[in-house]
Amino acid sequence: MRLIEKLKEFENQYMFIKWATGGEYGKLVFAGEDFIEFNIINVDTMEYSETVLIHAPLILEVAIGGADVQRIIAEVSSKISIEGN
């Protein structure tokens, strides 16, 4: 199975992605054959700082779980519930 095929299963989820020129935490918006669309989260403010399109062959590593990813999910979730009230 190719990485891009596996990433399709994780669209709209938070993760860490490392690619050839950087690595960031964020939310995978779209995984296509050529590229992925990734919304980067500023970990200090927990707000989306930018959207990047990453050429799929440049992706080196993807972390879907782990303590840091869980912290990002918890902080984003708590921010959503505060804004919803």
Protein backbone atom coordinates (compact mmCIF):
# COMPACT_ATOMS: atom_id res chain seq x y z
CA MET A 1 0.00 0.00 0.00
CA ARG A 2 1.28 3.46 -0.87
CA LEU A 3 1.50 6.20 1.75
CA ILE A 4 -0.96 8.44 -0.09
CA GLU A 5 -3.56 5.65 -0.11
CA LYS A 6 -3.19 5.26 3.64
CA LEU A 7 -3.40 9.03 4.19
CA LYS A 8 -6.78 9.07 2.41
CA GLU A 9 -8.13 7.14 5.43
CA PHE A 10 -6.98 9.93 7.77
CA GLU A 11 -8.42 13.00 6.03
CA ASN A 12 -9.80 15.61 8.45
CA GLN A 13 -7.66 14.35 11.33
CA TYR A 14 -4.84 16.01 13.27
CA MET A 15 -1.30 14.74 12.82
CA PHE A 16 2.35 15.63 12.49
CA ILE A 17 3.83 15.54 9.00
CA LYS A 18 7.50 15.87 8.14
CA TRP A 19 8.38 16.60 4.54
CA ALA A 20 11.58 17.44 2.66
CA THR A 21 11.72 21.11 3.73
CA GLY A 22 9.87 21.14 7.06
CA GLY A 23 7.58 19.47 9.50
CA GLU A 24 4.49 20.72 11.30
CA TYR A 25 1.42 19.76 13.32
CA GLY A 26 -1.90 20.29 11.66
CA LYS A 27 -5.00 18.87 10.07
CA LEU A 28 -4.96 16.83 6.87
CA VAL A 29 -7.63 18.32 4.64
CA PHE A 30 -7.14 16.36 1.43
CA ALA A 31 -4.90 13.56 0.21
CA GLY A 32 -4.69 13.23 -3.56
CA GLU A 33 -2.44 11.40 -5.98
CA ASP A 34 -0.11 14.37 -6.56
CA PHE A 35 -0.32 16.37 -3.34
CA ILE A 36 -1.86 16.70 0.08
CA GLU A 37 -3.55 19.80 1.49
CA PHE A 38 -2.49 20.39 5.08
CA ASN A 39 -3.66 23.12 7.48
CA ILE A 40 -0.76 23.97 9.79
CA ILE A 41 -1.57 24.78 13.43
CA ASN A 42 0.48 27.27 15.43
CA VAL A 43 1.06 25.22 18.60
CA ASP A 44 1.33 28.36 20.77
CA THR A 45 -2.03 29.87 19.80
CA MET A 46 -3.79 26.68 18.58
CA GLU A 47 -4.97 28.55 15.49
CA TYR A 48 -4.44 27.65 11.86
CA SER A 49 -1.46 29.62 10.63
CA GLU A 50 -1.38 28.57 6.98
CA THR A 51 -2.43 25.97 4.44
CA VAL A 52 0.26 24.16 2.49
CA LEU A 53 0.09 21.88 -0.51
CA ILE A 54 2.79 19.23 -0.23
CA HIS A 55 3.91 17.15 -3.19
CA ALA A 56 3.23 13.57 -2.07
CA PRO A 57 6.70 12.11 -2.86
CA LEU A 58 8.29 14.71 -0.52
CA ILE A 59 6.52 13.36 2.59
CA LEU A 60 9.06 11.66 4.84
CA GLU A 61 7.13 10.90 8.02
CA VAL A 62 3.58 11.01 9.38
CA ALA A 63 2.66 10.70 13.07
CA ILE A 64 -1.05 10.18 13.62
CA GLY A 65 -0.91 9.29 17.32
CA GLY A 66 1.36 9.99 20.23
CA ALA A 67 1.45 12.36 23.17
CA ASP A 68 2.10 15.55 21.19
CA VAL A 69 -0.67 14.86 18.67
CA GLN A 70 -3.09 14.02 21.51
CA ARG A 71 -2.19 17.31 23.23
CA ILE A 72 -2.96 19.24 20.03
CA ILE A 73 -6.31 17.45 19.70
CA ALA A 74 -7.20 18.16 23.34
CA GLU A 75 -6.30 21.84 23.12
CA VAL A 76 -8.15 22.35 19.83
CA SER A 77 -11.19 20.51 21.24
CA SER A 78 -11.24 22.60 24.41
CA LYS A 79 -10.98 25.77 22.33
CA ILE A 80 -13.95 24.67 20.21
CA SER A 81 -16.12 24.03 23.28
CA ILE A 82 -15.20 27.41 24.80
CA GLU A 83 -16.05 29.25 21.57
CA GLY A 84 -19.30 27.30 21.24
CA ASN A 85 -20.67 28.60 24.57
